[in-house]
Each structure stands twice: as structure tokens, then as C-alpha cells.
C-alpha atoms as a PDB file:
ATOM      1  CA  UNK A   1      -7.753   1.635   5.806  1.00  0.00           C
ATOM      2  CA  UNK A   2     -11.294   1.772   3.390  1.00  0.00           C
ATOM      3  CA  UNK A   3     -14.360   2.587   6.213  1.00  0.00           C
ATOM      4  CA  UNK A   4     -17.680   2.930   5.375  1.00  0.00           C
ATOM      5  CA  UNK A   5     -18.538   6.463   3.816  1.00  0.00           C
ATOM      6  CA  UNK A   6     -18.850   9.421   6.081  1.00  0.00           C
ATOM      7  CA  UNK A   7     -21.056  11.689   3.882  1.00  0.00           C
ATOM      8  CA  UNK A   8     -21.519  14.232   6.903  1.00  0.00           C
ATOM      9  CA  UNK A   9     -17.680  14.686   6.991  1.00  0.00           C
ATOM     10  CA  UNK A  10     -17.247  18.096   4.163  1.00  0.00           C
ATOM     11  CA  UNK A  11     -14.194  19.871   3.266  1.00  0.00           C
ATOM     12  CA  UNK A  12     -14.094  22.129   5.838  1.00  0.00           C
ATOM     13  CA  UNK A  13     -14.273  19.706   7.749  1.00  0.00           C
ATOM     14  CA  UNK A  14     -10.902  17.650   7.368  1.00  0.00           C
ATOM     15  CA  UNK A  15      -9.078  21.308   7.142  1.00  0.00           C
ATOM     16  CA  UNK A  16     -10.233  21.496  10.588  1.00  0.00           C
ATOM     17  CA  UNK A  17      -8.937  18.073  11.279  1.00  0.00           C
ATOM     18  CA  UNK A  18      -5.052  19.375  10.153  1.00  0.00           C
ATOM     19  CA  UNK A  19      -5.321  21.450  12.846  1.00  0.00           C
ATOM     20  CA  UNK A  20      -5.044  18.352  14.809  1.00  0.00           C
ATOM     21  CA  UNK A  21      -2.315  17.264  13.234  1.00  0.00           C
ATOM     22  CA  UNK A  22      -0.490  20.366  11.711  1.00  0.00           C
ATOM     23  CA  UNK A  23       2.392  20.702  14.576  1.00  0.00           C
ATOM     24  CA  UNK A  24       3.242  17.130  13.294  1.00  0.00           C
ATOM     25  CA  UNK A  25       1.912  17.124   9.728  1.00  0.00           C
ATOM     26  CA  UNK A  26       2.877  21.207   8.678  1.00  0.00           C
ATOM     27  CA  UNK A  27       2.087  20.932   4.681  1.00  0.00           C
ATOM     28  CA  UNK A  28      -1.177  20.034   3.515  1.00  0.00           C
ATOM     29  CA  UNK A  29      -2.282  19.165  -0.533  1.00  0.00           C
ATOM     30  CA  UNK A  30      -5.485  18.351  -1.865  1.00  0.00           C
ATOM     31  CA  UNK A  31      -6.033  15.270  -3.971  1.00  0.00           C
ATOM     32  CA  UNK A  32      -9.029  13.828  -6.084  1.00  0.00           C
ATOM     33  CA  UNK A  33     -10.694  10.962  -3.826  1.00  0.00           C
ATOM     34  CA  UNK A  34      -9.539   7.456  -4.311  1.00  0.00           C
ATOM     35  CA  UNK A  35     -12.503   5.647  -5.675  1.00  0.00           C
ATOM     36  CA  UNK A  36     -13.503   2.240  -3.671  1.00  0.00           C
ATOM     37  CA  UNK A  37     -12.163  -0.728  -3.784  1.00  0.00           C
ATOM     38  CA  UNK A  38     -13.967  -4.176  -2.490  1.00  0.00           C
ATOM     39  CA  UNK A  39     -12.112  -7.592  -2.785  1.00  0.00           C
ATOM     40  CA  UNK A  40     -14.228 -10.117  -3.988  1.00  0.00           C
ATOM     41  CA  UNK A  41     -13.642 -14.139  -2.449  1.00  0.00           C
ATOM     42  CA  UNK A  42     -15.795 -16.141  -4.441  1.00  0.00           C
ATOM     43  CA  UNK A  43     -14.214 -18.158  -6.665  1.00  0.00           C
ATOM     44  CA  UNK A  44     -12.965 -17.005 -10.169  1.00  0.00           C
ATOM     45  CA  UNK A  45     -14.507 -13.000  -9.133  1.00  0.00           C
ATOM     46  CA  UNK A  46     -11.514 -10.222  -9.447  1.00  0.00           C
ATOM     47  CA  UNK A  47     -11.781  -6.876  -7.511  1.00  0.00           C
ATOM     48  CA  UNK A  48     -14.599  -4.748  -8.323  1.00  0.00           C
ATOM     49  CA  UNK A  49     -14.100  -0.760  -8.391  1.00  0.00           C
ATOM     50  CA  UNK A  50     -17.324   1.038  -7.694  1.00  0.00           C
ATOM     51  CA  UNK A  51     -17.883   3.652  -9.351  1.00  0.00           C
ATOM     52  CA  UNK A  52     -20.402   6.882  -8.028  1.00  0.00           C
ATOM     53  CA  UNK A  53     -22.546   9.570  -9.406  1.00  0.00           C
ATOM     54  CA  UNK A  54     -22.638  12.051  -7.080  1.00  0.00           C
ATOM     55  CA  UNK A  55     -24.213  15.271  -6.774  1.00  0.00           C
ATOM     56  CA  UNK A  56     -22.899  18.089  -5.023  1.00  0.00           C
ATOM     57  CA  UNK A  57     -18.517  18.052  -5.981  1.00  0.00           C
ATOM     58  CA  UNK A  58     -16.798  15.275  -4.818  1.00  0.00           C
ATOM     59  CA  UNK A  59     -14.938  16.287  -1.036  1.00  0.00           C
ATOM     60  CA  UNK A  60     -10.868  16.309  -1.789  1.00  0.00           C
ATOM     61  CA  UNK A  61      -8.544  13.696  -0.195  1.00  0.00           C
ATOM     62  CA  UNK A  62      -6.313  15.853   1.678  1.00  0.00           C
ATOM     63  CA  UNK A  63      -2.938  14.753   2.405  1.00  0.00           C
ATOM     64  CA  UNK A  64      -1.006  15.975   5.563  1.00  0.00           C
ATOM     65  CA  UNK A  65       2.849  15.922   5.029  1.00  0.00           C
ATOM     66  CA  UNK A  66       5.732  16.307   7.327  1.00  0.00           C
ATOM     67  CA  UNK A  67       8.102  18.927   7.064  1.00  0.00           C
ATOM     68  CA  UNK A  68      10.754  16.731   5.689  1.00  0.00           C
ATOM     69  CA  UNK A  69       8.354  15.398   3.442  1.00  0.00           C
ATOM     70  CA  UNK A  70       8.843  11.792   4.417  1.00  0.00           C
ATOM     71  CA  UNK A  71       5.526  10.835   6.136  1.00  0.00           C
ATOM     72  CA  UNK A  72       2.252  11.282   4.459  1.00  0.00           C
ATOM     73  CA  UNK A  73      -1.561  10.943   6.120  1.00  0.00           C
ATOM     74  CA  UNK A  74      -4.060  10.951   3.467  1.00  0.00           C
ATOM     75  CA  UNK A  75      -7.476  11.423   4.831  1.00  0.00           C
ATOM     76  CA  UNK A  76     -11.186  10.844   2.672  1.00  0.00           C
ATOM     77  CA  UNK A  77     -14.582  10.410   3.855  1.00  0.00           C
ATOM     78  CA  UNK A  78     -14.143   6.419   3.123  1.00  0.00           C
ATOM     79  CA  UNK A  79     -10.479   6.294   3.205  1.00  0.00           C
ATOM     80  CA  UNK A  80      -7.757   6.588   6.185  1.00  0.00           C
ATOM     81  CA  UNK A  81      -3.866   6.199   5.366  1.00  0.00           C
ATOM     82  CA  UNK A  82      -0.505   6.872   6.469  1.00  0.00           C
ATOM     83  CA  UNK A  83       2.939   6.451   4.158  1.00  0.00           C
ATOM     84  CA  UNK A  84       6.277   6.254   4.967  1.00  0.00           C
ATOM     85  CA  UNK A  85       8.280   7.472   1.354  1.00  0.00           C
ATOM     86  CA  UNK A  86      12.251   7.943   0.933  1.00  0.00           C
ATOM     87  CA  UNK A  87      12.586  11.422  -0.750  1.00  0.00           C
ATOM     88  CA  UNK A  88      16.451  11.432  -0.231  1.00  0.00           C
ATOM     89  CA  UNK A  89      19.194   9.313  -0.031  1.00  0.00           C
ATOM     90  CA  UNK A  90      19.826   9.862   3.697  1.00  0.00           C
ATOM     91  CA  UNK A  91      15.894   9.271   4.563  1.00  0.00           C
ATOM     92  CA  UNK A  92      16.247   5.983   7.028  1.00  0.00           C
ATOM     93  CA  UNK A  93      13.035   3.795   7.616  1.00  0.00           C
ATOM     94  CA  UNK A  94      11.513   4.048  10.610  1.00  0.00           C
ATOM     95  CA  UNK A  95      10.332   0.133  10.555  1.00  0.00           C
ATOM     96  CA  UNK A  96       6.894  -1.294  10.774  1.00  0.00           C
ATOM     97  CA  UNK A  97       6.773  -1.282  14.495  1.00  0.00           C
ATOM     98  CA  UNK A  98       7.325   2.657  15.148  1.00  0.00           C
ATOM     99  CA  UNK A  99       4.914   3.395  11.759  1.00  0.00           C
ATOM    100  CA  UNK A 100       1.965   0.882  13.368  1.00  0.00           C
ATOM    101  CA  UNK A 101       1.990   2.635  16.708  1.00  0.00           C
ATOM    102  CA  UNK A 102       1.619   5.649  14.597  1.00  0.00           C
ATOM    103  CA  UNK A 103      -0.945   4.817  12.844  1.00  0.00           C
ATOM    104  CA  UNK A 104      -2.682   3.542  15.375  1.00  0.00           C
ATOM    105  CA  UNK A 105      -2.051   6.911  17.270  1.00  0.00           C
ATOM    106  CA  UNK A 106      -3.557   8.962  13.895  1.00  0.00           C
ATOM    107  CA  UNK A 107      -6.661   6.839  13.735  1.00  0.00           C
ATOM    108  CA  UNK A 108      -7.516   7.411  17.184  1.00  0.00           C
ATOM    109  CA  UNK A 109      -7.237  10.942  16.766  1.00  0.00           C
ATOM    110  CA  UNK A 110      -9.126  10.952  13.646  1.00  0.00           C
ATOM    111  CA  UNK A 111     -12.144   8.708  14.540  1.00  0.00           C
ATOM    112  CA  UNK A 112     -12.374  10.922  17.654  1.00  0.00           C
ATOM    113  CA  UNK A 113     -12.002  14.229  15.802  1.00  0.00           C
ATOM    114  CA  UNK A 114     -15.328  12.808  13.207  1.00  0.00           C
ATOM    115  CA  UNK A 115     -17.185  11.303  16.699  1.00  0.00           C
ATOM    116  CA  UNK A 116     -17.067  14.926  18.751  1.00  0.00           C
ATOM    117  CA  UNK A 117     -18.464  16.594  15.851  1.00  0.00           C
ATOM    118  CA  UNK A 118     -21.620  14.149  15.405  1.00  0.00           C
ATOM    119  CA  UNK A 119     -20.197  13.420  11.628  1.00  0.00           C
ATOM    120  CA  UNK A 120     -20.045   9.346  12.062  1.00  0.00           C
ATOM    121  CA  UNK A 121     -18.492   6.702  13.820  1.00  0.00           C
ATOM    122  CA  UNK A 122     -15.743   5.338  11.530  1.00  0.00           C
ATOM    123  CA  UNK A 123     -16.823   1.935  10.398  1.00  0.00           C
ATOM    124  CA  UNK A 124     -13.625   0.156   9.338  1.00  0.00           C
ATOM    125  CA  UNK A 125     -14.081  -2.389   6.387  1.00  0.00           C
ATOM    126  CA  UNK A 126     -11.431  -2.825   3.962  1.00  0.00           C
ATOM    127  CA  UNK A 127      -7.262  -2.294   5.124  1.00  0.00           C
ATOM    128  CA  UNK A 128      -4.382  -3.011   3.307  1.00  0.00           C
ATOM    129  CA  UNK A 129      -0.645  -2.801   3.441  1.00  0.00           C
ATOM    130  CA  UNK A 130       2.284  -2.336   1.020  1.00  0.00           C
ATOM    131  CA  UNK A 131       5.488  -2.269   0.824  1.00  0.00           C
ATOM    132  CA  UNK A 132       7.150  -0.982  -2.346  1.00  0.00           C
ATOM    133  CA  UNK A 133      11.020  -1.931  -3.042  1.00  0.00           C
ATOM    134  CA  UNK A 134      12.553  -0.112  -5.728  1.00  0.00           C
ATOM    135  CA  UNK A 135      15.560  -2.118  -7.141  1.00  0.00           C
ATOM    136  CA  UNK A 136      18.323  -0.353  -8.955  1.00  0.00           C
ATOM    137  CA  UNK A 137      20.445  -1.850 -11.662  1.00  0.00           C
ATOM    138  CA  UNK A 138      24.081  -2.556 -11.440  1.00  0.00           C
ATOM    139  CA  UNK A 139      23.628  -4.212  -8.091  1.00  0.00           C
ATOM    140  CA  UNK A 140      23.689  -7.390  -9.658  1.00  0.00           C
ATOM    141  CA  UNK A 141      21.921  -7.094 -13.012  1.00  0.00           C
ATOM    142  CA  UNK A 142      22.073  -4.608 -15.296  1.00  0.00           C
ATOM    143  CA  UNK A 143      18.920  -4.191 -17.484  1.00  0.00           C
ATOM    144  CA  UNK A 144      15.612  -6.366 -17.548  1.00  0.00           C
ATOM    145  CA  UNK A 145      17.500  -8.871 -19.524  1.00  0.00           C
ATOM    146  CA  UNK A 146      18.921  -9.751 -16.460  1.00  0.00           C
ATOM    147  CA  UNK A 147      15.431  -9.643 -14.733  1.00  0.00           C
ATOM    148  CA  UNK A 148      15.697 -13.546 -13.641  1.00  0.00           C
ATOM    149  CA  UNK A 149      18.338 -12.810 -11.821  1.00  0.00           C
ATOM    150  CA  UNK A 150      16.749 -10.455  -9.448  1.00  0.00           C
ATOM    151  CA  UNK A 151      12.961 -11.995  -9.415  1.00  0.00           C
ATOM    152  CA  UNK A 152      11.887 -15.572  -8.917  1.00  0.00           C
ATOM    153  CA  UNK A 153       8.298 -15.095 -10.897  1.00  0.00           C
ATOM    154  CA  UNK A 154      10.138 -14.244 -14.403  1.00  0.00           C
ATOM    155  CA  UNK A 155      12.545 -17.269 -15.868  1.00  0.00           C
ATOM    156  CA  UNK A 156      12.135 -17.191 -19.429  1.00  0.00           C
ATOM    157  CA  UNK A 157      13.012 -20.650 -21.391  1.00  0.00           C
ATOM    158  CA  UNK A 158      11.933 -19.431 -24.803  1.00  0.00           C
ATOM    159  CA  UNK A 159      13.341 -21.670 -28.041  1.00  0.00           C
ATOM    160  CA  UNK A 160      16.625 -19.477 -29.293  1.00  0.00           C
ATOM    161  CA  UNK A 161      16.127 -17.471 -32.743  1.00  0.00           C
ATOM    162  CA  UNK A 162      11.857 -17.007 -32.308  1.00  0.00           C
ATOM    163  CA  UNK A 163      11.984 -13.437 -30.073  1.00  0.00           C
ATOM    164  CA  UNK A 164      14.441 -10.371 -31.139  1.00  0.00           C
ATOM    165  CA  UNK A 165      16.697 -10.146 -28.610  1.00  0.00           C
ATOM    166  CA  UNK A 166      16.707  -9.305 -25.301  1.00  0.00           C
ATOM    167  CA  UNK A 167      13.450  -8.169 -22.995  1.00  0.00           C
ATOM    168  CA  UNK A 168      13.719  -4.253 -23.264  1.00  0.00           C
ATOM    169  CA  UNK A 169      10.840  -4.593 -20.225  1.00  0.00           C
ATOM    170  CA  UNK A 170       9.099  -6.727 -18.247  1.00  0.00           C
ATOM    171  CA  UNK A 171       5.963  -6.458 -16.274  1.00  0.00           C
ATOM    172  CA  UNK A 172       5.081  -9.488 -13.841  1.00  0.00           C
ATOM    173  CA  UNK A 173       2.165  -9.532 -11.593  1.00  0.00           C
ATOM    174  CA  UNK A 174       0.468 -12.308  -9.213  1.00  0.00           C
ATOM    175  CA  UNK A 175      -2.091 -12.474  -7.337  1.00  0.00           C
ATOM    176  CA  UNK A 176      -2.061 -15.261  -3.730  1.00  0.00           C
ATOM    177  CA  UNK A 177      -5.671 -15.899  -1.823  1.00  0.00           C
ATOM    178  CA  UNK A 178      -5.277 -16.033   1.664  1.00  0.00           C
ATOM    179  CA  UNK A 179      -6.988 -17.751   3.997  1.00  0.00           C
ATOM    180  CA  UNK A 180      -7.450 -18.793   7.843  1.00  0.00           C
ATOM    181  CA  UNK A 181     -10.549 -21.103   9.682  1.00  0.00           C
ATOM    182  CA  UNK A 182     -13.095 -18.786   8.158  1.00  0.00           C
ATOM    183  CA  UNK A 183     -12.033 -19.007   4.648  1.00  0.00           C
ATOM    184  CA  UNK A 184     -10.351 -16.360   2.404  1.00  0.00           C
ATOM    185  CA  UNK A 185     -10.288 -12.931   3.206  1.00  0.00           C
ATOM    186  CA  UNK A 186      -7.338 -10.920   2.130  1.00  0.00           C
ATOM    187  CA  UNK A 187      -4.856 -11.508  -0.832  1.00  0.00           C
ATOM    188  CA  UNK A 188      -1.415 -10.966  -1.654  1.00  0.00           C
ATOM    189  CA  UNK A 189      -0.431  -8.937  -4.640  1.00  0.00           C
ATOM    190  CA  UNK A 190       2.778  -8.823  -6.082  1.00  0.00           C
ATOM    191  CA  UNK A 191       3.885  -6.384  -9.072  1.00  0.00           C
ATOM    192  CA  UNK A 192       7.205  -6.306 -10.944  1.00  0.00           C
ATOM    193  CA  UNK A 193       7.607  -2.148 -12.839  1.00  0.00           C
ATOM    194  CA  UNK A 194      10.262  -1.171 -14.862  1.00  0.00           C
ATOM    195  CA  UNK A 195      10.875   2.596 -14.496  1.00  0.00           C
ATOM    196  CA  UNK A 196      12.846   5.509 -15.864  1.00  0.00           C
ATOM    197  CA  UNK A 197      16.420   5.198 -15.119  1.00  0.00           C
ATOM    198  CA  UNK A 198      16.147   1.344 -15.639  1.00  0.00           C
ATOM    199  CA  UNK A 199      15.318  -0.014 -12.190  1.00  0.00           C
ATOM    200  CA  UNK A 200      12.078  -1.893 -11.237  1.00  0.00           C
ATOM    201  CA  UNK A 201       9.869  -1.404  -8.521  1.00  0.00           C
ATOM    202  CA  UNK A 202       8.694  -4.629  -6.804  1.00  0.00           C
ATOM    203  CA  UNK A 203       5.250  -4.154  -4.726  1.00  0.00           C
ATOM    204  CA  UNK A 204       3.755  -6.231  -2.462  1.00  0.00           C
ATOM    205  CA  UNK A 205       0.408  -5.492  -1.059  1.00  0.00           C
ATOM    206  CA  UNK A 206      -2.061  -7.519   1.295  1.00  0.00           C
ATOM    207  CA  UNK A 207      -5.759  -5.979   0.986  1.00  0.00           C
ATOM    208  CA  UNK A 208      -8.691  -7.432   2.700  1.00  0.00           C
ATOM    209  CA  UNK A 209     -10.893  -7.716   5.161  1.00  0.00           C
ATOM    210  CA  UNK A 210      -9.996  -7.672   8.519  1.00  0.00           C
ATOM    211  CA  UNK A 211     -12.059 -10.209  11.181  1.00  0.00           C
ATOM    212  CA  UNK A 212     -14.175  -7.482  12.759  1.00  0.00           C
ATOM    213  CA  UNK A 213     -14.472  -4.106  12.069  1.00  0.00           C
ATOM    214  CA  UNK A 214     -12.469  -2.442  14.833  1.00  0.00           C
ATOM    215  CA  UNK A 215      -8.864  -0.735  15.076  1.00  0.00           C
ATOM    216  CA  UNK A 216      -7.484  -3.845  16.443  1.00  0.00           C
ATOM    217  CA  UNK A 217      -9.098  -6.213  14.082  1.00  0.00           C
ATOM    218  CA  UNK A 218      -6.893  -4.471  11.537  1.00  0.00           C
ATOM    219  CA  UNK A 219      -4.241  -3.528  13.271  1.00  0.00           C
ATOM    220  CA  UNK A 220      -4.090  -7.438  13.556  1.00  0.00           C
ATOM    221  CA  UNK A 221      -4.587  -7.547  10.193  1.00  0.00           C
ATOM    222  CA  UNK A 222      -1.691  -4.842   9.425  1.00  0.00           C
ATOM    223  CA  UNK A 223       0.487  -7.532  11.811  1.00  0.00           C
ATOM    224  CA  UNK A 224      -0.789 -10.757   9.086  1.00  0.00           C
ATOM    225  CA  UNK A 225       0.032  -8.935   6.305  1.00  0.00           C
ATOM    226  CA  UNK A 226       3.688  -7.358   6.906  1.00  0.00           C
ATOM    227  CA  UNK A 227       4.249 -11.192   7.464  1.00  0.00           C
ATOM    228  CA  UNK A 228       3.003 -12.008   4.447  1.00  0.00           C
ATOM    229  CA  UNK A 229       4.745  -9.390   2.708  1.00  0.00           C
ATOM    230  CA  UNK A 230       8.351 -10.065   4.351  1.00  0.00           C
ATOM    231  CA  UNK A 231       7.992 -13.974   3.065  1.00  0.00           C
ATOM    232  CA  UNK A 232       6.386 -12.917  -0.130  1.00  0.00           C
ATOM    233  CA  UNK A 233       9.721 -10.620  -0.692  1.00  0.00           C
ATOM    234  CA  UNK A 234      12.118 -13.473   0.190  1.00  0.00           C
ATOM    235  CA  UNK A 235      10.293 -16.249  -2.252  1.00  0.00           C
ATOM    236  CA  UNK A 236       9.291 -14.169  -5.210  1.00  0.00           C
ATOM    237  CA  UNK A 237      13.617 -12.516  -5.251  1.00  0.00           C
ATOM    238  CA  UNK A 238      16.767 -14.738  -5.700  1.00  0.00           C
ATOM    239  CA  UNK A 239      19.436 -15.829  -3.357  1.00  0.00           C
ATOM    240  CA  UNK A 240      21.827 -14.316  -5.258  1.00  0.00           C
ATOM    241  CA  UNK A 241      20.285 -10.999  -4.616  1.00  0.00           C
ATOM    242  CA  UNK A 242      19.652 -11.690  -0.813  1.00  0.00           C
ATOM    243  CA  UNK A 243      23.623 -12.765  -0.729  1.00  0.00           C
ATOM    244  CA  UNK A 244      23.995  -8.970  -2.175  1.00  0.00           C
ATOM    245  CA  UNK A 245      21.617  -7.099  -0.136  1.00  0.00           C
ATOM    246  CA  UNK A 246      22.892  -8.345   3.307  1.00  0.00           C
ATOM    247  CA  UNK A 247      19.516 -10.214   3.820  1.00  0.00           C
ATOM    248  CA  UNK A 248      19.316 -11.415   7.532  1.00  0.00           C
ATOM    249  CA  UNK A 249      17.703 -14.697   8.081  1.00  0.00           C
END
């Protein structure tokens, strides 16, 4: 979630907030704060990053990290994020429903903390949900030249002899506007990037403005975003890969 800034929240407050989560997230790290990102829905306009000139030192973004390193809360003056990440081959994805429930519980703890200390009331401006999939070579494909066997978005039909050999690597990106009866309010971003070792990262993100500033509105936005991402993943990956991955309809 991206929030209206809470300027009264300082680094010391975030340290106190960690005490609320420390039993579940015993590890702590500091990061630079993320820049604000506003989705624009007027025709022809792209998302806008907001650059702020600040006097005092920036309040850091804190990471609260679980003991097994797979779960992560990120908190800053205008941002609250919950991540799950695979850090080893034995880590089992906990499924969306569990992550959604955890997010709701943790955000309520955060909101209660800042409200009780007179630091403001979190007002949600934007919401975002992302699925990041690492696709390994050897599972039906061998290198970037086989990308069209993995991703429908890439299907080169070049005239023979005009380009030297097969692609060494490929990057592909798309964005799709999401609308409802009130008009456009979100986008689905789809991006494919190569990583070391010959793997691909397929990132699907839905980002936009929930229909309301409440936690309930944002959770409904997450549900919508998750549905769009699941359908988007199915749309942009090939039937050959679905069969190899054992995809269930």
C-alpha cells in the first residue's frame, strides 16, 4: 500500500513499531525509502515518480524479516508492504489467501500503532500486488532463443539473414489498463527479464487506486489484482509450458 505521508512518523517510531512484530519478525534491516509512484489515467500519460526535496534526513524504510527469511514487512512514512520470497528449494509458497489474511492483520497493527500515538491515521492512496516468477532453463527450453516456447508475448518472425544468430537475451514489457463502471483505475504490468544463470523472471503487477481509502477497499483491490494476474500469467505463457508445469485449469 502507498499512503498519504505520515510526516510525524520518525525513525524512532518505526523502531518502536518493530516491537509489535518482533516475535514473528525477529530480524531487522534498514533500506532507503521508496519514491512515491502515482498512476495516471488520462489518455497518453505514464506513471509519475514524485521527487521530494526534504530538509531533515530521510526516515528509512525498515524491513522486519521472519526467522526463516521468507516473509518480510516493509514500513516507511508512506508505505506498508508485505512480501513472501523463496530463499531455498524447500520453501513452500503459503498461498494467496494466507498472505492476504496476514497482510490485513499486520496493517491493522500498524494503523493502531500510529493512531494511538497521535502520529496520524493511515489513508490509502494506491495499492499494488505482484507475482514474481523465476522460470528456469531446461524445463522445455534452453536459452533466450527459445523464448517463444515460453512466452506468447515474444514470437520473432524476422526475415532470415538480417540479424546475427539467435538473441543473446530478450526483455519484453506490456501494460494493460483496467477499468470498471466508473472508468480506469488500475493497470496490469507484465515484464520478462533475463537473470544470471540463463533464467527468466516474469513479473506481473497490478497497481492502481482502490475504490475507497479503507483497508477493506484495498483488500478488494488485491483480490481483483490477483485474479487479473492469474489470468494474465495464463495468457502470456504458452500451452507447452502449462503442460510441463502441470497447470490445473
